[in-house]
PDB file of N, CA and C in Angstrom:
ATOM      1  N   MET A   1      98.317  89.332  93.326  1.00  0.00           N
ATOM      2  CA  MET A   1      97.192  88.653  93.909  1.00  0.00           C
ATOM      3  C   MET A   1      96.335  89.616  94.724  1.00  0.00           C
ATOM      4  N   GLY A   2      96.949  90.601  95.322  1.00  0.00           N
ATOM      5  CA  GLY A   2      96.193  91.561  96.122  1.00  0.00           C
ATOM      6  C   GLY A   2      95.189  92.332  95.293  1.00  0.00           C
ATOM      7  N   ALA A   3      95.567  92.690  94.058  1.00  0.00           N
ATOM      8  CA  ALA A   3      94.645  93.421  93.175  1.00  0.00           C
ATOM      9  C   ALA A   3      93.442  92.547  92.822  1.00  0.00           C
ATOM     10  N   VAL A   4      93.677  91.286  92.586  1.00  0.00           N
ATOM     11  CA  VAL A   4      92.577  90.361  92.285  1.00  0.00           C
ATOM     12  C   VAL A   4      91.680  90.206  93.504  1.00  0.00           C
ATOM     13  N   ALA A   5      92.287  90.042  94.659  1.00  0.00           N
ATOM     14  CA  ALA A   5      91.521  89.829  95.888  1.00  0.00           C
ATOM     15  C   ALA A   5      90.622  91.012  96.223  1.00  0.00           C
ATOM     16  N   GLY A   6      91.022  92.215  95.820  1.00  0.00           N
ATOM     17  CA  GLY A   6      90.241  93.396  96.132  1.00  0.00           C
ATOM     18  C   GLY A   6      89.369  93.903  95.008  1.00  0.00           C
ATOM     19  N   HIS A   7      89.266  93.173  93.926  1.00  0.00           N
ATOM     20  CA  HIS A   7      88.505  93.648  92.766  1.00  0.00           C
ATOM     21  C   HIS A   7      87.026  93.793  93.106  1.00  0.00           C
ATOM     22  N   GLU A   8      86.423  94.882  92.651  1.00  0.00           N
ATOM     23  CA  GLU A   8      85.020  95.188  92.966  1.00  0.00           C
ATOM     24  C   GLU A   8      84.031  94.153  92.427  1.00  0.00           C
ATOM     25  N   ALA A   9      84.370  93.466  91.357  1.00  0.00           N
ATOM     26  CA  ALA A   9      83.452  92.473  90.783  1.00  0.00           C
ATOM     27  C   ALA A   9      83.264  91.272  91.703  1.00  0.00           C
ATOM     28  N   LEU A  10      84.183  91.051  92.612  1.00  0.00           N
ATOM     29  CA  LEU A  10      84.067  89.897  93.498  1.00  0.00           C
ATOM     30  C   LEU A  10      82.903  90.053  94.472  1.00  0.00           C
ATOM     31  N   THR A  11      82.541  91.277  94.785  1.00  0.00           N
ATOM     32  CA  THR A  11      81.365  91.502  95.631  1.00  0.00           C
ATOM     33  C   THR A  11      80.103  91.064  94.891  1.00  0.00           C
ATOM     34  N   ALA A  12      80.010  91.406  93.601  1.00  0.00           N
ATOM     35  CA  ALA A  12      78.859  90.991  92.798  1.00  0.00           C
ATOM     36  C   ALA A  12      78.826  89.466  92.666  1.00  0.00           C
ATOM     37  N   PHE A  13      79.979  88.852  92.511  1.00  0.00           N
ATOM     38  CA  PHE A  13      80.038  87.394  92.420  1.00  0.00           C
ATOM     39  C   PHE A  13      79.530  86.775  93.720  1.00  0.00           C
ATOM     40  N   SER A  14      79.927  87.345  94.828  1.00  0.00           N
ATOM     41  CA  SER A  14      79.477  86.865  96.131  1.00  0.00           C
ATOM     42  C   SER A  14      77.961  86.970  96.259  1.00  0.00           C
ATOM     43  N   ARG A  15      77.396  88.066  95.761  1.00  0.00           N
ATOM     44  CA  ARG A  15      75.944  88.259  95.803  1.00  0.00           C
ATOM     45  C   ARG A  15      75.234  87.230  94.921  1.00  0.00           C
ATOM     46  N   LEU A  16      75.828  86.889  93.792  1.00  0.00           N
ATOM     47  CA  LEU A  16      75.243  85.898  92.881  1.00  0.00           C
ATOM     48  C   LEU A  16      75.166  84.519  93.532  1.00  0.00           C
ATOM     49  N   ALA A  17      76.018  84.255  94.479  1.00  0.00           N
ATOM     50  CA  ALA A  17      76.052  82.930  95.112  1.00  0.00           C
ATOM     51  C   ALA A  17      74.896  82.699  96.077  1.00  0.00           C
ATOM     52  N   ARG A  18      74.138  83.723  96.426  1.00  0.00           N
ATOM     53  CA  ARG A  18      73.134  83.598  97.492  1.00  0.00           C
ATOM     54  C   ARG A  18      71.734  83.153  97.067  1.00  0.00           C
ATOM     55  N   PRO A  19      71.220  83.500  95.888  1.00  0.00           N
ATOM     56  CA  PRO A  19      69.829  83.123  95.605  1.00  0.00           C
ATOM     57  C   PRO A  19      69.666  81.607  95.460  1.00  0.00           C
ATOM     58  N   PRO A  20      68.485  81.107  95.830  1.00  0.00           N
ATOM     59  CA  PRO A  20      68.261  79.663  95.739  1.00  0.00           C
ATOM     60  C   PRO A  20      67.966  79.186  94.316  1.00  0.00           C
ATOM     61  N   ASP A  21      67.684  80.105  93.408  1.00  0.00           N
ATOM     62  CA  ASP A  21      67.311  79.735  92.048  1.00  0.00           C
ATOM     63  C   ASP A  21      67.872  80.764  91.076  1.00  0.00           C
ATOM     64  N   LEU A  22      67.891  80.418  89.811  1.00  0.00           N
ATOM     65  CA  LEU A  22      68.433  81.291  88.778  1.00  0.00           C
ATOM     66  C   LEU A  22      67.511  81.224  87.566  1.00  0.00           C
ATOM     67  N   ASP A  23      67.092  82.387  87.067  1.00  0.00           N
ATOM     68  CA  ASP A  23      66.295  82.426  85.850  1.00  0.00           C
ATOM     69  C   ASP A  23      67.113  83.135  84.770  1.00  0.00           C
ATOM     70  N   ALA A  24      68.114  82.420  84.278  1.00  0.00           N
ATOM     71  CA  ALA A  24      69.021  82.997  83.285  1.00  0.00           C
ATOM     72  C   ALA A  24      68.307  83.290  81.973  1.00  0.00           C
ATOM     73  N   ALA A  25      67.342  82.471  81.607  1.00  0.00           N
ATOM     74  CA  ALA A  25      66.636  82.686  80.343  1.00  0.00           C
ATOM     75  C   ALA A  25      65.871  84.003  80.363  1.00  0.00           C
ATOM     76  N   LEU A  26      65.162  84.266  81.437  1.00  0.00           N
ATOM     77  CA  LEU A  26      64.384  85.500  81.527  1.00  0.00           C
ATOM     78  C   LEU A  26      65.298  86.724  81.570  1.00  0.00           C
ATOM     79  N   ALA A  27      66.443  86.591  82.201  1.00  0.00           N
ATOM     80  CA  ALA A  27      67.386  87.708  82.281  1.00  0.00           C
ATOM     81  C   ALA A  27      68.057  87.987  80.938  1.00  0.00           C
ATOM     82  N   ARG A  28      68.130  87.001  80.093  1.00  0.00           N
ATOM     83  CA  ARG A  28      68.901  87.118  78.860  1.00  0.00           C
ATOM     84  C   ARG A  28      68.053  87.356  77.604  1.00  0.00           C
ATOM     85  N   TRP A  29      66.896  86.724  77.517  1.00  0.00           N
ATOM     86  CA  TRP A  29      66.109  86.749  76.286  1.00  0.00           C
ATOM     87  C   TRP A  29      64.760  87.415  76.510  1.00  0.00           C
ATOM     88  N   PRO A  30      64.158  87.948  75.442  1.00  0.00           N
ATOM     89  CA  PRO A  30      62.842  88.588  75.594  1.00  0.00           C
ATOM     90  C   PRO A  30      61.769  87.564  75.968  1.00  0.00           C
ATOM     91  N   ASP A  31      60.795  88.041  76.724  1.00  0.00           N
ATOM     92  CA  ASP A  31      59.696  87.171  77.139  1.00  0.00           C
ATOM     93  C   ASP A  31      58.380  87.864  76.813  1.00  0.00           C
ATOM     94  N   PRO A  32      57.576  87.306  75.966  1.00  0.00           N
ATOM     95  CA  PRO A  32      57.756  86.041  75.263  1.00  0.00           C
ATOM     96  C   PRO A  32      58.724  86.213  74.095  1.00  0.00           C
ATOM     97  N   LEU A  33      59.254  85.088  73.636  1.00  0.00           N
ATOM     98  CA  LEU A  33      60.114  85.116  72.457  1.00  0.00           C
ATOM     99  C   LEU A  33      59.286  85.537  71.247  1.00  0.00           C
ATOM    100  N   PRO A  34      59.904  86.203  70.289  1.00  0.00           N
ATOM    101  CA  PRO A  34      59.164  86.561  69.071  1.00  0.00           C
ATOM    102  C   PRO A  34      58.559  85.321  68.406  1.00  0.00           C
ATOM    103  N   ALA A  35      57.401  85.490  67.838  1.00  0.00           N
ATOM    104  CA  ALA A  35      56.696  84.377  67.183  1.00  0.00           C
ATOM    105  C   ALA A  35      57.592  83.727  66.137  1.00  0.00           C
ATOM    106  N   GLY A  36      57.650  82.428  66.159  1.00  0.00           N
ATOM    107  CA  GLY A  36      58.413  81.679  65.176  1.00  0.00           C
ATOM    108  C   GLY A  36      59.894  81.543  65.482  1.00  0.00           C
ATOM    109  N   MET A  37      60.387  82.192  66.517  1.00  0.00           N
ATOM    110  CA  MET A  37      61.809  82.103  66.842  1.00  0.00           C
ATOM    111  C   MET A  37      62.108  80.717  67.408  1.00  0.00           C
ATOM    112  N   THR A  38      63.214  80.132  66.969  1.00  0.00           N
ATOM    113  CA  THR A  38      63.618  78.810  67.458  1.00  0.00           C
ATOM    114  C   THR A  38      64.842  78.964  68.354  1.00  0.00           C
ATOM    115  N   ILE A  39      65.164  77.912  69.072  1.00  0.00           N
ATOM    116  CA  ILE A  39      66.325  77.915  69.952  1.00  0.00           C
ATOM    117  C   ILE A  39      67.610  78.182  69.170  1.00  0.00           C
ATOM    118  N   ALA A  40      67.655  77.738  67.927  1.00  0.00           N
ATOM    119  CA  ALA A  40      68.841  77.943  67.105  1.00  0.00           C
ATOM    120  C   ALA A  40      69.064  79.408  66.767  1.00  0.00           C
ATOM    121  N   GLU A  41      68.041  80.227  66.876  1.00  0.00           N
ATOM    122  CA  GLU A  41      68.155  81.646  66.548  1.00  0.00           C
ATOM    123  C   GLU A  41      68.475  82.532  67.757  1.00  0.00           C
ATOM    124  N   LEU A  42      68.439  81.952  68.931  1.00  0.00           N
ATOM    125  CA  LEU A  42      68.745  82.731  70.130  1.00  0.00           C
ATOM    126  C   LEU A  42      70.234  83.057  70.174  1.00  0.00           C
ATOM    127  N   PRO A  43      70.576  84.229  70.694  1.00  0.00           N
ATOM    128  CA  PRO A  43      72.005  84.561  70.814  1.00  0.00           C
ATOM    129  C   PRO A  43      72.708  83.591  71.767  1.00  0.00           C
ATOM    130  N   ILE A  44      73.929  83.251  71.442  1.00  0.00           N
ATOM    131  CA  ILE A  44      74.712  82.347  72.279  1.00  0.00           C
ATOM    132  C   ILE A  44      75.321  83.158  73.421  1.00  0.00           C
ATOM    133  N   PRO A  45      75.056  82.768  74.653  1.00  0.00           N
ATOM    134  CA  PRO A  45      75.608  83.519  75.785  1.00  0.00           C
ATOM    135  C   PRO A  45      77.117  83.333  75.896  1.00  0.00           C
ATOM    136  N   ARG A  46      77.771  84.310  76.450  1.00  0.00           N
ATOM    137  CA  ARG A  46      79.214  84.268  76.679  1.00  0.00           C
ATOM    138  C   ARG A  46      79.461  84.032  78.168  1.00  0.00           C
ATOM    139  N   PHE A  47      80.402  83.159  78.465  1.00  0.00           N
ATOM    140  CA  PHE A  47      80.648  82.798  79.853  1.00  0.00           C
ATOM    141  C   PHE A  47      82.077  83.036  80.304  1.00  0.00           C
ATOM    142  N   GLY A  48      82.899  83.589  79.449  1.00  0.00           N
ATOM    143  CA  GLY A  48      84.296  83.831  79.821  1.00  0.00           C
ATOM    144  C   GLY A  48      84.415  84.679  81.072  1.00  0.00           C
ATOM    145  N   GLY A  49      83.577  85.698  81.178  1.00  0.00           N
ATOM    146  CA  GLY A  49      83.634  86.575  82.346  1.00  0.00           C
ATOM    147  C   GLY A  49      83.265  85.855  83.630  1.00  0.00           C
ATOM    148  N   LEU A  50      82.286  84.972  83.557  1.00  0.00           N
ATOM    149  CA  LEU A  50      81.878  84.233  84.748  1.00  0.00           C
ATOM    150  C   LEU A  50      82.963  83.255  85.184  1.00  0.00           C
ATOM    151  N   ARG A  51      83.545  82.566  84.231  1.00  0.00           N
ATOM    152  CA  ARG A  51      84.640  81.649  84.579  1.00  0.00           C
ATOM    153  C   ARG A  51      85.815  82.424  85.165  1.00  0.00           C
ATOM    154  N   THR A  52      86.134  83.561  84.556  1.00  0.00           N
ATOM    155  CA  THR A  52      87.224  84.393  85.070  1.00  0.00           C
ATOM    156  C   THR A  52      86.924  84.862  86.488  1.00  0.00           C
ATOM    157  N   ALA A  53      85.672  85.248  86.744  1.00  0.00           N
ATOM    158  CA  ALA A  53      85.286  85.678  88.092  1.00  0.00           C
ATOM    159  C   ALA A  53      85.426  84.534  89.092  1.00  0.00           C
ATOM    160  N   ALA A  54      85.056  83.318  88.685  1.00  0.00           N
ATOM    161  CA  ALA A  54      85.202  82.167  89.578  1.00  0.00           C
ATOM    162  C   ALA A  54      86.670  81.930  89.910  1.00  0.00           C
ATOM    163  N   TYR A  55      87.519  81.978  88.887  1.00  0.00           N
ATOM    164  CA  TYR A  55      88.957  81.787  89.123  1.00  0.00           C
ATOM    165  C   TYR A  55      89.516  82.922  89.976  1.00  0.00           C
ATOM    166  N   ALA A  56      89.030  84.131  89.763  1.00  0.00           N
ATOM    167  CA  ALA A  56      89.492  85.272  90.561  1.00  0.00           C
ATOM    168  C   ALA A  56      89.081  85.115  92.019  1.00  0.00           C
ATOM    169  N   ARG A  57      87.869  84.607  92.253  1.00  0.00           N
ATOM    170  CA  ARG A  57      87.402  84.393  93.626  1.00  0.00           C
ATOM    171  C   ARG A  57      88.266  83.333  94.304  1.00  0.00           C
ATOM    172  N   ILE A  58      88.633  82.297  93.575  1.00  0.00           N
ATOM    173  CA  ILE A  58      89.524  81.273  94.117  1.00  0.00           C
ATOM    174  C   ILE A  58      90.904  81.880  94.381  1.00  0.00           C
ATOM    175  N   GLY A  59      91.368  82.725  93.476  1.00  0.00           N
ATOM    176  CA  GLY A  59      92.644  83.414  93.692  1.00  0.00           C
ATOM    177  C   GLY A  59      92.605  84.308  94.915  1.00  0.00           C
ATOM    178  N   ALA A  60      91.474  84.986  95.109  1.00  0.00           N
ATOM    179  CA  ALA A  60      91.319  85.839  96.290  1.00  0.00           C
ATOM    180  C   ALA A  60      91.357  85.000  97.565  1.00  0.00           C
ATOM    181  N   ALA A  61      90.752  83.825  97.524  1.00  0.00           N
ATOM    182  CA  ALA A  61      90.786  82.935  98.687  1.00  0.00           C
ATOM    183  C   ALA A  61      92.220  82.470  98.962  1.00  0.00           C
ATOM    184  N   ALA A  62      92.949  82.159  97.900  1.00  0.00           N
ATOM    185  CA  ALA A  62      94.355  81.762  98.060  1.00  0.00           C
ATOM    186  C   ALA A  62      95.176  82.905  98.657  1.00  0.00           C
ATOM    187  N   PHE A  63      94.879  84.116  98.241  1.00  0.00           N
ATOM    188  CA  PHE A  63      95.573  85.283  98.775  1.00  0.00           C
ATOM    189  C   PHE A  63      95.305  85.425 100.274  1.00  0.00           C
ATOM    190  N   GLU A  64      94.067  85.197 100.680  1.00  0.00           N
ATOM    191  CA  GLU A  64      93.721  85.267 102.102  1.00  0.00           C
ATOM    192  C   GLU A  64      94.531  84.236 102.893  1.00  0.00           C
ATOM    193  N   VAL A  65      94.632  83.022 102.360  1.00  0.00           N
ATOM    194  CA  VAL A  65      95.421  81.982 103.020  1.00  0.00           C
ATOM    195  C   VAL A  65      96.875  82.420 103.103  1.00  0.00           C
ATOM    196  N   GLU A  66      97.408  82.919 101.998  1.00  0.00           N
ATOM    197  CA  GLU A  66      98.807  83.350 101.934  1.00  0.00           C
ATOM    198  C   GLU A  66      99.106  84.474 102.931  1.00  0.00           C
ATOM    199  N   GLN A  67      98.130  85.339 103.151  1.00  0.00           N
ATOM    200  CA  GLN A  67      98.309  86.467 104.067  1.00  0.00           C
ATOM    201  C   GLN A  67      98.068  86.086 105.526  1.00  0.00           C
ATOM    202  N   GLY A  68      97.793  84.808 105.760  1.00  0.00           N
ATOM    203  CA  GLY A  68      97.594  84.338 107.122  1.00  0.00           C
ATOM    204  C   GLY A  68      96.226  84.683 107.691  1.00  0.00           C
ATOM    205  N   ARG A  69      95.234  84.831 106.794  1.00  0.00           N
ATOM    206  CA  ARG A  69      93.861  85.149 107.235  1.00  0.00           C
ATOM    207  C   ARG A  69      92.961  83.960 106.892  1.00  0.00           C
ATOM    208  N   PRO A  70      92.890  82.976 107.765  1.00  0.00           N
ATOM    209  CA  PRO A  70      92.161  81.751 107.450  1.00  0.00           C
ATOM    210  C   PRO A  70      90.648  81.840 107.634  1.00  0.00           C
ATOM    211  N   GLU A  71      90.114  82.993 108.045  1.00  0.00           N
ATOM    212  CA  GLU A  71      88.689  83.076 108.359  1.00  0.00           C
ATOM    213  C   GLU A  71      87.790  83.028 107.118  1.00  0.00           C
ATOM    214  N   ARG A  72      88.168  83.689 106.037  1.00  0.00           N
ATOM    215  CA  ARG A  72      87.275  83.867 104.892  1.00  0.00           C
ATOM    216  C   ARG A  72      87.452  82.909 103.718  1.00  0.00           C
ATOM    217  N   PRO A  73      88.598  82.305 103.506  1.00  0.00           N
ATOM    218  CA  PRO A  73      88.792  81.527 102.269  1.00  0.00           C
ATOM    219  C   PRO A  73      87.761  80.430 102.025  1.00  0.00           C
ATOM    220  N   GLU A  74      87.377  79.711 103.053  1.00  0.00           N
ATOM    221  CA  GLU A  74      86.412  78.636 102.841  1.00  0.00           C
ATOM    222  C   GLU A  74      85.088  79.188 102.317  1.00  0.00           C
ATOM    223  N   GLN A  75      84.603  80.277 102.923  1.00  0.00           N
ATOM    224  CA  GLN A  75      83.344  80.877 102.467  1.00  0.00           C
ATOM    225  C   GLN A  75      83.472  81.374 101.027  1.00  0.00           C
ATOM    226  N   MET A  76      84.612  81.954 100.681  1.00  0.00           N
ATOM    227  CA  MET A  76      84.820  82.460  99.327  1.00  0.00           C
ATOM    228  C   MET A  76      84.748  81.335  98.299  1.00  0.00           C
ATOM    229  N   VAL A  77      85.365  80.212  98.615  1.00  0.00           N
ATOM    230  CA  VAL A  77      85.354  79.077  97.683  1.00  0.00           C
ATOM    231  C   VAL A  77      83.963  78.439  97.646  1.00  0.00           C
ATOM    232  N   ARG A  78      83.276  78.400  98.765  1.00  0.00           N
ATOM    233  CA  ARG A  78      81.911  77.859  98.772  1.00  0.00           C
ATOM    234  C   ARG A  78      80.990  78.706  97.883  1.00  0.00           C
ATOM    235  N   GLU A  79      81.249  80.011  97.816  1.00  0.00           N
ATOM    236  CA  GLU A  79      80.469  80.866  96.918  1.00  0.00           C
ATOM    237  C   GLU A  79      80.698  80.473  95.459  1.00  0.00           C
ATOM    238  N   VAL A  80      81.928  80.143  95.119  1.00  0.00           N
ATOM    239  CA  VAL A  80      82.228  79.684  93.757  1.00  0.00           C
ATOM    240  C   VAL A  80      81.420  78.416  93.460  1.00  0.00           C
ATOM    241  N   ILE A  81      81.417  77.491  94.390  1.00  0.00           N
ATOM    242  CA  ILE A  81      80.677  76.243  94.203  1.00  0.00           C
ATOM    243  C   ILE A  81      79.180  76.526  94.073  1.00  0.00           C
ATOM    244  N   SER A  82      78.650  77.436  94.874  1.00  0.00           N
ATOM    245  CA  SER A  82      77.224  77.782  94.805  1.00  0.00           C
ATOM    246  C   SER A  82      76.852  78.362  93.447  1.00  0.00           C
ATOM    247  N   VAL A  83      77.678  79.277  92.937  1.00  0.00           N
ATOM    248  CA  VAL A  83      77.412  79.855  91.616  1.00  0.00           C
ATOM    249  C   VAL A  83      77.462  78.757  90.554  1.00  0.00           C
ATOM    250  N   GLY A  84      78.422  77.860  90.664  1.00  0.00           N
ATOM    251  CA  GLY A  84      78.508  76.754  89.719  1.00  0.00           C
ATOM    252  C   GLY A  84      77.259  75.886  89.728  1.00  0.00           C
ATOM    253  N   PHE A  85      76.760  75.561  90.925  1.00  0.00           N
ATOM    254  CA  PHE A  85      75.539  74.756  91.013  1.00  0.00           C
ATOM    255  C   PHE A  85      74.329  75.510  90.459  1.00  0.00           C
ATOM    256  N   LEU A  86      74.250  76.810  90.723  1.00  0.00           N
ATOM    257  CA  LEU A  86      73.133  77.585  90.155  1.00  0.00           C
ATOM    258  C   LEU A  86      73.117  77.475  88.639  1.00  0.00           C
ATOM    259  N   LEU A  87      74.269  77.704  88.032  1.00  0.00           N
ATOM    260  CA  LEU A  87      74.352  77.651  86.578  1.00  0.00           C
ATOM    261  C   LEU A  87      74.206  76.215  86.070  1.00  0.00           C
ATOM    262  N   GLY A  88      74.853  75.285  86.746  1.00  0.00           N
ATOM    263  CA  GLY A  88      74.816  73.893  86.307  1.00  0.00           C
ATOM    264  C   GLY A  88      73.440  73.255  86.421  1.00  0.00           C
ATOM    265  N   ASP A  89      72.711  73.597  87.471  1.00  0.00           N
ATOM    266  CA  ASP A  89      71.409  72.976  87.705  1.00  0.00           C
ATOM    267  C   ASP A  89      70.232  73.773  87.153  1.00  0.00           C
ATOM    268  N   HIS A  90      70.391  75.091  87.001  1.00  0.00           N
ATOM    269  CA  HIS A  90      69.268  75.935  86.598  1.00  0.00           C
ATOM    270  C   HIS A  90      69.483  76.694  85.296  1.00  0.00           C
ATOM    271  N   GLY A  91      70.648  76.556  84.686  1.00  0.00           N
ATOM    272  CA  GLY A  91      70.879  77.205  83.398  1.00  0.00           C
ATOM    273  C   GLY A  91      70.009  76.569  82.323  1.00  0.00           C
ATOM    274  N   PRO A  92      69.463  77.362  81.406  1.00  0.00           N
ATOM    275  CA  PRO A  92      68.531  76.815  80.422  1.00  0.00           C
ATOM    276  C   PRO A  92      69.172  76.080  79.249  1.00  0.00           C
ATOM    277  N   THR A  93      70.484  76.139  79.121  1.00  0.00           N
ATOM    278  CA  THR A  93      71.124  75.470  77.989  1.00  0.00           C
ATOM    279  C   THR A  93      72.162  74.469  78.480  1.00  0.00           C
ATOM    280  N   LEU A  94      72.482  73.529  77.630  1.00  0.00           N
ATOM    281  CA  LEU A  94      73.465  72.503  77.972  1.00  0.00           C
ATOM    282  C   LEU A  94      74.824  73.122  78.266  1.00  0.00           C
ATOM    283  N   ILE A  95      75.237  74.108  77.483  1.00  0.00           N
ATOM    284  CA  ILE A  95      76.554  74.712  77.711  1.00  0.00           C
ATOM    285  C   ILE A  95      76.611  75.363  79.092  1.00  0.00           C
ATOM    286  N   GLU A  96      75.515  75.977  79.515  1.00  0.00           N
ATOM    287  CA  GLU A  96      75.482  76.569  80.861  1.00  0.00           C
ATOM    288  C   GLU A  96      75.606  75.479  81.925  1.00  0.00           C
ATOM    289  N   ASN A  97      74.916  74.370  81.715  1.00  0.00           N
ATOM    290  CA  ASN A  97      75.000  73.262  82.666  1.00  0.00           C
ATOM    291  C   ASN A  97      76.436  72.739  82.760  1.00  0.00           C
ATOM    292  N   LEU A  98      77.081  72.571  81.613  1.00  0.00           N
ATOM    293  CA  LEU A  98      78.453  72.062  81.593  1.00  0.00           C
ATOM    294  C   LEU A  98      79.424  73.039  82.248  1.00  0.00           C
ATOM    295  N   ILE A  99      79.315  74.316  81.916  1.00  0.00           N
ATOM    296  CA  ILE A  99      80.204  75.322  82.509  1.00  0.00           C
ATOM    297  C   ILE A  99      79.959  75.408  84.010  1.00  0.00           C
ATOM    298  N   GLY A 100      78.697  75.372  84.414  1.00  0.00           N
ATOM    299  CA  GLY A 100      78.388  75.425  85.837  1.00  0.00           C
ATOM    300  C   GLY A 100      79.021  74.284  86.608  1.00  0.00           C
ATOM    301  N   HIS A 101      78.906  73.080  86.081  1.00  0.00           N
ATOM    302  CA  HIS A 101      79.466  71.938  86.803  1.00  0.00           C
ATOM    303  C   HIS A 101      80.991  71.900  86.724  1.00  0.00           C
ATOM    304  N   THR A 102      81.569  72.503  85.702  1.00  0.00           N
ATOM    305  CA  THR A 102      83.025  72.666  85.660  1.00  0.00           C
ATOM    306  C   THR A 102      83.474  73.626  86.761  1.00  0.00           C
ATOM    307  N   ILE A 103      82.703  74.694  86.969  1.00  0.00           N
ATOM    308  CA  ILE A 103      83.006  75.630  88.055  1.00  0.00           C
ATOM    309  C   ILE A 103      82.878  74.929  89.405  1.00  0.00           C
ATOM    310  N   VAL A 104      81.869  74.072  89.556  1.00  0.00           N
ATOM    311  CA  VAL A 104      81.715  73.304  90.800  1.00  0.00           C
ATOM    312  C   VAL A 104      82.949  72.446  91.041  1.00  0.00           C
ATOM    313  N   ARG A 105      83.394  71.734  90.020  1.00  0.00           N
ATOM    314  CA  ARG A 105      84.571  70.863  90.158  1.00  0.00           C
ATOM    315  C   ARG A 105      85.809  71.668  90.536  1.00  0.00           C
ATOM    316  N   THR A 106      86.011  72.799  89.864  1.00  0.00           N
ATOM    317  CA  THR A 106      87.164  73.652  90.166  1.00  0.00           C
ATOM    318  C   THR A 106      87.087  74.169  91.605  1.00  0.00           C
ATOM    319  N   GLY A 107      85.886  74.566  92.021  1.00  0.00           N
ATOM    320  CA  GLY A 107      85.702  75.028  93.386  1.00  0.00           C
ATOM    321  C   GLY A 107      85.950  73.922  94.401  1.00  0.00           C
ATOM    322  N   GLY A 108      85.540  72.705  94.072  1.00  0.00           N
ATOM    323  CA  GLY A 108      85.764  71.579  94.976  1.00  0.00           C
ATOM    324  C   GLY A 108      87.241  71.298  95.194  1.00  0.00           C
ATOM    325  N   VAL A 109      88.014  71.370  94.127  1.00  0.00           N
ATOM    326  CA  VAL A 109      89.466  71.186  94.244  1.00  0.00           C
ATOM    327  C   VAL A 109      90.050  72.292  95.125  1.00  0.00           C
ATOM    328  N   ALA A 110      89.591  73.529  94.900  1.00  0.00           N
ATOM    329  CA  ALA A 110      90.078  74.655  95.699  1.00  0.00           C
ATOM    330  C   ALA A 110      89.671  74.511  97.158  1.00  0.00           C
ATOM    331  N   LEU A 111      88.458  74.032  97.403  1.00  0.00           N
ATOM    332  CA  LEU A 111      87.999  73.849  98.777  1.00  0.00           C
ATOM    333  C   LEU A 111      88.871  72.822  99.501  1.00  0.00           C
ATOM    334  N   GLY A 112      89.254  71.778  98.799  1.00  0.00           N
ATOM    335  CA  GLY A 112      90.165  70.798  99.392  1.00  0.00           C
ATOM    336  C   GLY A 112      91.501  71.419  99.749  1.00  0.00           C
ATOM    337  N   ALA A 113      92.007  72.293  98.886  1.00  0.00           N
ATOM    338  CA  ALA A 113      93.281  72.968  99.160  1.00  0.00           C
ATOM    339  C   ALA A 113      93.157  73.907 100.352  1.00  0.00           C
ATOM    340  N   VAL A 114      92.033  74.618 100.440  1.00  0.00           N
ATOM    341  CA  VAL A 114      91.811  75.508 101.582  1.00  0.00           C
ATOM    342  C   VAL A 114      91.783  74.692 102.874  1.00  0.00           C
ATOM    343  N   GLY A 115      91.147  73.544 102.829  1.00  0.00           N
ATOM    344  CA  GLY A 115      91.092  72.678 103.996  1.00  0.00           C
ATOM    345  C   GLY A 115      92.454  72.164 104.433  1.00  0.00           C
ATOM    346  N   ARG A 116      93.404  72.148 103.495  1.00  0.00           N
ATOM    347  CA  ARG A 116      94.782  71.739 103.811  1.00  0.00           C
ATOM    348  C   ARG A 116      95.666  72.959 104.049  1.00  0.00           C
ATOM    349  N   GLY A 117      95.057  74.104 104.297  1.00  0.00           N
ATOM    350  CA  GLY A 117      95.842  75.320 104.556  1.00  0.00           C
ATOM    351  C   GLY A 117      96.493  75.878 103.306  1.00  0.00           C
ATOM    352  N   GLY A 118      95.895  75.592 102.137  1.00  0.00           N
ATOM    353  CA  GLY A 118      96.412  76.118 100.888  1.00  0.00           C
ATOM    354  C   GLY A 118      97.441  75.229 100.228  1.00  0.00           C
ATOM    355  N   ARG A 119      97.757  74.114 100.858  1.00  0.00           N
ATOM    356  CA  ARG A 119      98.760  73.219 100.283  1.00  0.00           C
ATOM    357  C   ARG A 119      98.136  72.335  99.202  1.00  0.00           C
ATOM    358  N   PRO A 120      98.860  72.069  98.130  1.00  0.00           N
ATOM    359  CA  PRO A 120      98.323  71.190  97.090  1.00  0.00           C
ATOM    360  C   PRO A 120      98.142  69.765  97.597  1.00  0.00           C
ATOM    361  N   GLN A 121      97.247  69.049  96.933  1.00  0.00           N
ATOM    362  CA  GLN A 121      96.989  67.655  97.281  1.00  0.00           C
ATOM    363  C   GLN A 121      98.203  66.808  96.927  1.00  0.00           C
ATOM    364  N   ARG A 122      98.510  65.851  97.733  1.00  0.00           N
ATOM    365  CA  ARG A 122      99.661  64.959  97.474  1.00  0.00           C
ATOM    366  C   ARG A 122      99.179  63.608  97.033  1.00  0.00           C
TER     367      ARG A 122
END
C-alpha cells in the first residue's frame, strides 16, 4: 500500500480534481473535426488508467488511515469524487458520463469509510 500511496501519478490526479470544468473533447480530438467525420468514426477513449488512478487514490487514503494519519484521507477521497463529477458531468460521451458517475459512487463509499475511521459500513 505504501508504494501506491507514494506513486507520482497521484499528484497529477490531485491536480485534475481542481478545475471547475473539463474540455475532454478538445483535448482528445482535432478541432475542427475533419469534414464529413461522424461520431462513429471518432476513436474510442480508454478509461482504464483513470479508473485505476481513482482506486489508487482511494487506496492511498486508506493507507493514510492505516498509518494513523487522519489529516489527509478525506481530502484525497474528495479529489476522487471531484474527478468523477468532472468526467460524469462534462465528458462529451455517454461512456465518460457513466464512468465518471461510477467513480463518484466509489468515492462516496470510500468517503463514508474514511468518516468511520476506515471501518467498513455495518
